[in-house]
Structures are given as C-alpha cells and as structure tokens.
Amino acid sequence: MYPVTLVSLGPGDPELITLKGLRTLQEADCIFCPETATRQGAPACSRAAHILAQLHIPDNKIERFHLPMSKDRQQAMAAYDQAFLQIRTLCADNRRVCIVAEGDAGLYASIHYIYDRLHSEGYPVEQIPGIPAFIASGARAGLHLVSQQQRLTVIPGLATTEDIEQLLGEGGTVVIMKLSQCTDEIHHCIRLHPEYTYQYFENVGTEQERLFTDPQTLANLRFPYFSLMIIMANR
C-alpha cells in the first residue's frame, strides 16, 4: 500500500515547492485539494488548486473538496471526514494519494486532521515539508528574523497588545499569523508602540502580494485572511 502523503505547496509562488513535493504530485493518482467560498453564494475558489495549475498538474488528477470557512469547526470536520472516507477507498485500490496544503502542512494547517485520522487507523502516511508564509515573507523583505540568542515566536491571530509587549520585551521577533482575527488589537498596538518595527505582508508569493511598513498606514488597514505581520523591537 502506498503511503498517503501531505504535500506542502509553499505560500503561493509555485517555484517555492520542494523538488520532492513536486515529484510526489507528478507521480500521484489522486490529489485532494481544499476549496472555499469567501462569502455566501460566491463561487468556490482554491489557492492550492491555482498553485497546482501553475505546476502543470493535470486537472483530472485533482479531487477538490469544499471546506467551509467558519469558526464553527463542525462543518469543516464533516468535510474532512468525507475526504477521509474517499481516501480510504483509494488506498484499498492501491492508488497513490496526496493531500495538499498551502505553506507548510505542519503549521496551522487544519487539514492535518486527515493525516492524524489515517495514522490512528493504521494507514501509512507521510508529510513533505514546505516553506511557511512567514519565512517567504522575511526573505521577500530581506529580513534577518533572529540573531544569536534571540527568540522567534509564532502566534495565531489571538494576540493581544500585552502578548506582543511581553514577547518583544524578552528580545527577538514576533510573527502573527491569521492576522485578520485580531485586527483591532493590532491597530491598538501600533498606536501604542510606534517605536516597534512592523512588517506587514498580504498574499505573499502571489500577483496580489503587498508589503507595508508605515505604522500610520497599518493603523487604518483592514487585514484579509491571507495576511501576517512580523514585529520587532528596535535593535
């Protein structure tokens, strides 16, 4: 039985996938790819599928499954359960199956639920690492994220100003993922601490990529889903 492989695609630029990841996709019989609708009634879209198309992966190998964008994870879990059942059937037919995730599949990727379930039921699974968005963002801006004994802390969009103050007070760099979930708190932090260095990234690795560093601009900017921020104290 072939292992089911989680393939990390990187943040958006198709050239940032690893050679191993690309080869695995090319050899796969079926590639499970999540798609979402950004608002009710809107057509489903998939950034992962767009990356696959740029990599010239045949569309007939791609099995899209709808992943609801909601804080209520029950619907998402139901979608993952359905994908798991399909994958299990393909495994029984000795098909080579991949599941794709943007960025790195082990970093804030809820699709890992399928990996965990397959593993718990005895199916062979493996994971191919990729470049997470904050690493690509740092390279895009020419940042040296940490030096010597400094710490790099990556936190989700539940960050508060107090969290940021404490972490920067200990030295190092703070990366906030899922930035749209804490827009008001980030605006408050920017107004309270204009002395920090803020690096904001949106849709990194895509044609819609944007980078802002001006605190006044950031303090009034609404953050979309595909955004993150790198914050540093003055060094």
Protein backbone atom coordinates (compact mmCIF):
# COMPACT_ATOMS: atom_id res chain seq x y z
CA MET A 1 0.00 0.00 0.00
CA TYR A 2 1.35 3.41 -0.97
CA PRO A 3 1.55 5.97 1.84
CA VAL A 4 -0.86 8.88 1.76
CA THR A 5 1.29 11.99 1.50
CA LEU A 6 0.61 15.52 2.75
CA VAL A 7 2.42 17.79 0.30
CA SER A 8 3.27 21.32 1.39
CA LEU A 9 2.90 23.77 -1.51
CA GLY A 10 4.52 26.87 -0.04
CA PRO A 11 2.73 30.22 0.35
CA GLY A 12 1.83 30.94 -3.27
CA ASP A 13 4.81 31.11 -5.60
CA PRO A 14 4.84 27.72 -7.37
CA GLU A 15 8.65 27.79 -7.57
CA LEU A 16 8.86 27.57 -3.77
CA ILE A 17 7.67 23.95 -3.65
CA THR A 18 10.38 21.39 -2.90
CA LEU A 19 11.62 19.04 -5.61
CA LYS A 20 10.36 16.11 -3.54
CA GLY A 21 6.93 17.69 -3.24
CA LEU A 22 6.68 18.31 -6.97
CA ARG A 23 7.82 14.79 -7.86
CA THR A 24 5.27 13.30 -5.46
CA LEU A 25 2.46 15.32 -7.04
CA GLN A 26 3.54 14.30 -10.53
CA GLU A 27 3.51 10.61 -9.56
CA ALA A 28 0.18 10.75 -7.68
CA ASP A 29 -3.01 9.14 -8.96
CA CYS A 30 -5.28 11.46 -6.98
CA ILE A 31 -4.62 14.78 -5.26
CA PHE A 32 -7.10 16.04 -2.66
CA CYS A 33 -7.28 19.82 -2.74
CA PRO A 34 -9.43 22.05 -0.47
CA GLU A 35 -11.55 24.83 -1.89
CA THR A 36 -13.58 27.51 -0.09
CA ALA A 37 -16.19 30.16 -0.76
CA THR A 38 -15.16 33.56 0.57
CA ARG A 39 -18.76 34.61 1.18
CA GLN A 40 -22.20 33.05 0.99
CA GLY A 41 -23.30 32.46 -2.57
CA ALA A 42 -19.86 33.12 -4.03
CA PRO A 43 -18.25 30.51 -6.28
CA ALA A 44 -15.71 28.27 -4.59
CA CYS A 45 -12.05 29.07 -5.13
CA SER A 46 -8.82 27.35 -4.24
CA ARG A 47 -5.40 28.96 -3.96
CA ALA A 48 -3.93 25.47 -3.65
CA ALA A 49 -5.54 24.45 -6.95
CA HIS A 50 -4.12 27.59 -8.56
CA ILE A 51 -0.62 26.57 -7.46
CA LEU A 52 -1.19 23.06 -8.84
CA ALA A 53 -2.24 24.52 -12.19
CA GLN A 54 0.93 26.62 -12.32
CA LEU A 55 2.89 23.44 -11.66
CA HIS A 56 1.14 21.85 -14.68
CA ILE A 57 -0.56 19.15 -12.60
CA PRO A 58 -3.39 17.69 -14.74
CA ASP A 59 -6.82 18.76 -13.51
CA ASN A 60 -8.16 15.23 -13.88
CA LYS A 61 -5.87 14.14 -11.04
CA ILE A 62 -7.28 16.75 -8.64
CA GLU A 63 -10.15 15.94 -6.29
CA ARG A 64 -11.48 19.19 -4.85
CA PHE A 65 -13.42 19.14 -1.61
CA HIS A 66 -15.32 22.06 -0.13
CA LEU A 67 -14.00 23.37 3.18
CA PRO A 68 -16.37 25.83 4.91
CA MET A 69 -14.75 29.00 6.23
CA SER A 70 -16.35 29.22 9.65
CA LYS A 71 -15.30 29.41 13.27
CA ASP A 72 -17.74 26.54 13.79
CA ARG A 73 -15.36 23.68 13.06
CA GLN A 74 -18.11 21.05 12.95
CA GLN A 75 -18.76 21.67 9.24
CA ALA A 76 -15.05 21.53 8.45
CA MET A 77 -14.67 18.29 10.37
CA ALA A 78 -17.54 16.80 8.36
CA ALA A 79 -15.72 17.77 5.13
CA TYR A 80 -12.52 16.17 6.38
CA ASP A 81 -14.39 13.02 7.37
CA GLN A 82 -15.85 12.73 3.88
CA ALA A 83 -12.41 13.19 2.31
CA PHE A 84 -11.02 10.55 4.67
CA LEU A 85 -13.62 8.02 3.51
CA GLN A 86 -12.74 8.68 -0.14
CA ILE A 87 -9.03 8.36 0.58
CA ARG A 88 -9.58 5.10 2.43
CA THR A 89 -11.33 3.65 -0.64
CA LEU A 90 -8.47 4.77 -2.89
CA CYS A 91 -5.92 3.22 -0.54
CA ALA A 92 -7.78 -0.08 -0.74
CA ASP A 93 -7.32 0.10 -4.54
CA ASN A 94 -3.58 0.74 -4.04
CA ARG A 95 -3.76 4.23 -5.53
CA ARG A 96 -1.14 6.89 -4.84
CA VAL A 97 -2.90 9.66 -2.93
CA CYS A 98 -1.74 13.13 -1.94
CA ILE A 99 -3.37 15.87 0.13
CA VAL A 100 -2.10 19.40 -0.47
CA ALA A 101 -1.78 22.32 1.91
CA GLU A 102 -0.52 25.84 1.36
CA GLY A 103 2.57 26.92 3.25
CA ASP A 104 3.81 24.10 5.43
CA ALA A 105 1.34 21.31 6.21
CA GLY A 106 2.51 21.14 9.82
CA LEU A 107 1.98 24.83 10.63
CA TYR A 108 -1.59 25.94 11.40
CA ALA A 109 -2.91 23.59 8.71
CA SER A 110 -6.23 22.13 9.84
CA ILE A 111 -6.02 19.62 7.00
CA HIS A 112 -3.64 17.74 9.29
CA TYR A 113 -6.80 16.27 10.83
CA ILE A 114 -6.93 13.81 7.91
CA TYR A 115 -3.30 12.83 8.45
CA ASP A 116 -3.96 12.19 12.14
CA ARG A 117 -7.03 10.09 11.44
CA LEU A 118 -5.28 8.00 8.80
CA HIS A 119 -2.35 7.45 11.15
CA SER A 120 -4.61 6.47 14.05
CA GLU A 121 -6.33 3.84 11.88
CA GLY A 122 -3.08 2.27 10.74
CA TYR A 123 -2.71 3.70 7.23
CA PRO A 124 0.82 4.61 6.11
CA VAL A 125 1.16 8.38 5.93
CA GLU A 126 4.00 10.81 5.40
CA GLN A 127 4.43 14.56 5.23
CA ILE A 128 6.62 16.63 2.92
CA PRO A 129 7.66 19.95 4.46
CA GLY A 130 7.35 23.29 2.75
CA ILE A 131 8.19 26.96 3.13
CA PRO A 132 5.76 28.69 5.52
CA ALA A 133 4.44 32.13 4.62
CA PHE A 134 6.39 33.97 7.31
CA ILE A 135 9.70 32.56 6.07
CA ALA A 136 8.87 33.57 2.49
CA SER A 137 7.79 36.99 3.77
CA GLY A 138 11.01 37.53 5.68
CA ALA A 139 13.04 36.65 2.59
CA ARG A 140 10.88 38.92 0.44
CA ALA A 141 11.68 41.88 2.72
CA GLY A 142 15.32 40.93 3.20
CA LEU A 143 14.84 40.47 6.94
CA HIS A 144 17.19 38.70 9.31
CA LEU A 145 14.45 37.42 11.59
CA VAL A 146 16.59 36.49 14.60
CA SER A 147 20.25 36.60 15.58
CA GLN A 148 22.38 34.76 18.10
CA GLN A 149 20.33 34.11 21.26
CA GLN A 150 17.16 35.93 20.18
CA ARG A 151 13.82 34.14 20.07
CA LEU A 152 11.38 33.77 17.22
CA THR A 153 7.79 33.41 18.42
CA VAL A 154 4.98 32.47 16.04
CA ILE A 155 1.45 33.01 17.36
CA PRO A 156 -2.04 32.83 15.83
CA GLY A 157 -4.47 35.72 15.47
CA LEU A 158 -5.45 35.67 19.13
CA ALA A 159 -2.58 38.00 20.03
CA THR A 160 -3.11 40.91 22.37
CA THR A 161 -1.01 44.03 22.84
CA GLU A 162 0.10 42.63 26.18
CA ASP A 163 1.28 39.43 24.50
CA ILE A 164 3.34 41.39 22.00
CA GLU A 165 4.81 43.68 24.66
CA GLN A 166 5.88 40.74 26.77
CA LEU A 167 7.43 38.79 23.91
CA LEU A 168 9.32 41.75 22.48
CA GLY A 169 10.46 42.70 25.96
CA GLU A 170 12.16 39.32 26.16
CA GLY A 171 14.02 40.07 22.92
CA GLY A 172 13.56 38.64 19.46
CA THR A 173 10.84 38.71 16.85
CA VAL A 174 7.09 38.07 16.89
CA VAL A 175 5.23 36.62 13.91
CA ILE A 176 1.43 36.84 13.95
CA MET A 177 -0.41 34.50 11.61
CA LYS A 178 -4.14 34.65 10.81
CA LEU A 179 -3.89 38.41 11.25
CA SER A 180 -7.49 39.13 10.27
CA GLN A 181 -8.67 37.60 13.55
CA CYS A 182 -7.04 40.32 15.68
CA THR A 183 -7.23 43.46 13.52
CA ASP A 184 -8.43 45.81 16.27
CA GLU A 185 -5.81 44.58 18.74
CA ILE A 186 -3.01 45.07 16.20
CA HIS A 187 -4.24 48.59 15.43
CA HIS A 188 -4.17 49.33 19.16
CA CYS A 189 -0.62 48.01 19.48
CA ILE A 190 0.59 50.09 16.54
CA ARG A 191 -0.84 53.28 18.00
CA LEU A 192 0.57 52.48 21.44
CA HIS A 193 4.01 51.41 20.22
CA PRO A 194 5.07 53.34 17.10
CA GLU A 195 8.67 52.56 18.08
CA TYR A 196 8.30 48.90 17.07
CA THR A 197 9.18 47.84 13.54
CA TYR A 198 6.13 46.42 11.75
CA GLN A 199 6.41 44.40 8.56
CA TYR A 200 3.00 43.58 7.07
CA PHE A 201 2.56 41.03 4.28
CA GLU A 202 -0.53 40.21 2.27
CA ASN A 203 -0.93 37.42 -0.29
CA VAL A 204 2.80 36.78 -0.26
CA GLY A 205 4.09 34.88 -3.27
CA THR A 206 1.13 35.81 -5.48
CA GLU A 207 0.35 38.55 -8.00
CA GLN A 208 -1.71 40.26 -5.28
CA GLU A 209 1.25 40.48 -2.90
CA ARG A 210 1.50 43.66 -0.84
CA LEU A 211 4.00 44.82 1.78
CA PHE A 212 3.54 47.78 4.14
CA THR A 213 5.81 49.06 6.89
CA ASP A 214 4.44 52.53 7.63
CA PRO A 215 2.72 52.44 11.07
CA GLN A 216 0.22 55.15 10.15
CA THR A 217 -0.91 53.18 7.09
CA LEU A 218 -1.11 49.93 9.04
CA ALA A 219 -3.10 51.51 11.86
CA ASN A 220 -6.01 52.04 9.45
CA LEU A 221 -5.66 48.97 7.26
CA ARG A 222 -8.13 46.07 7.33
CA PHE A 223 -6.33 42.75 7.17
CA PRO A 224 -7.59 39.99 4.85
CA TYR A 225 -7.35 36.27 5.60
CA PHE A 226 -4.05 35.76 3.77
CA SER A 227 -2.00 38.21 5.77
CA LEU A 228 0.62 38.16 8.51
CA MET A 229 2.83 40.56 10.41
CA ILE A 230 6.41 40.42 11.61
CA ILE A 231 7.09 42.71 14.58
CA MET A 232 10.49 43.59 16.00
CA ALA A 233 11.61 45.87 18.80
CA ASN A 234 14.29 48.36 17.87
CA ARG A 235 17.62 46.55 17.90
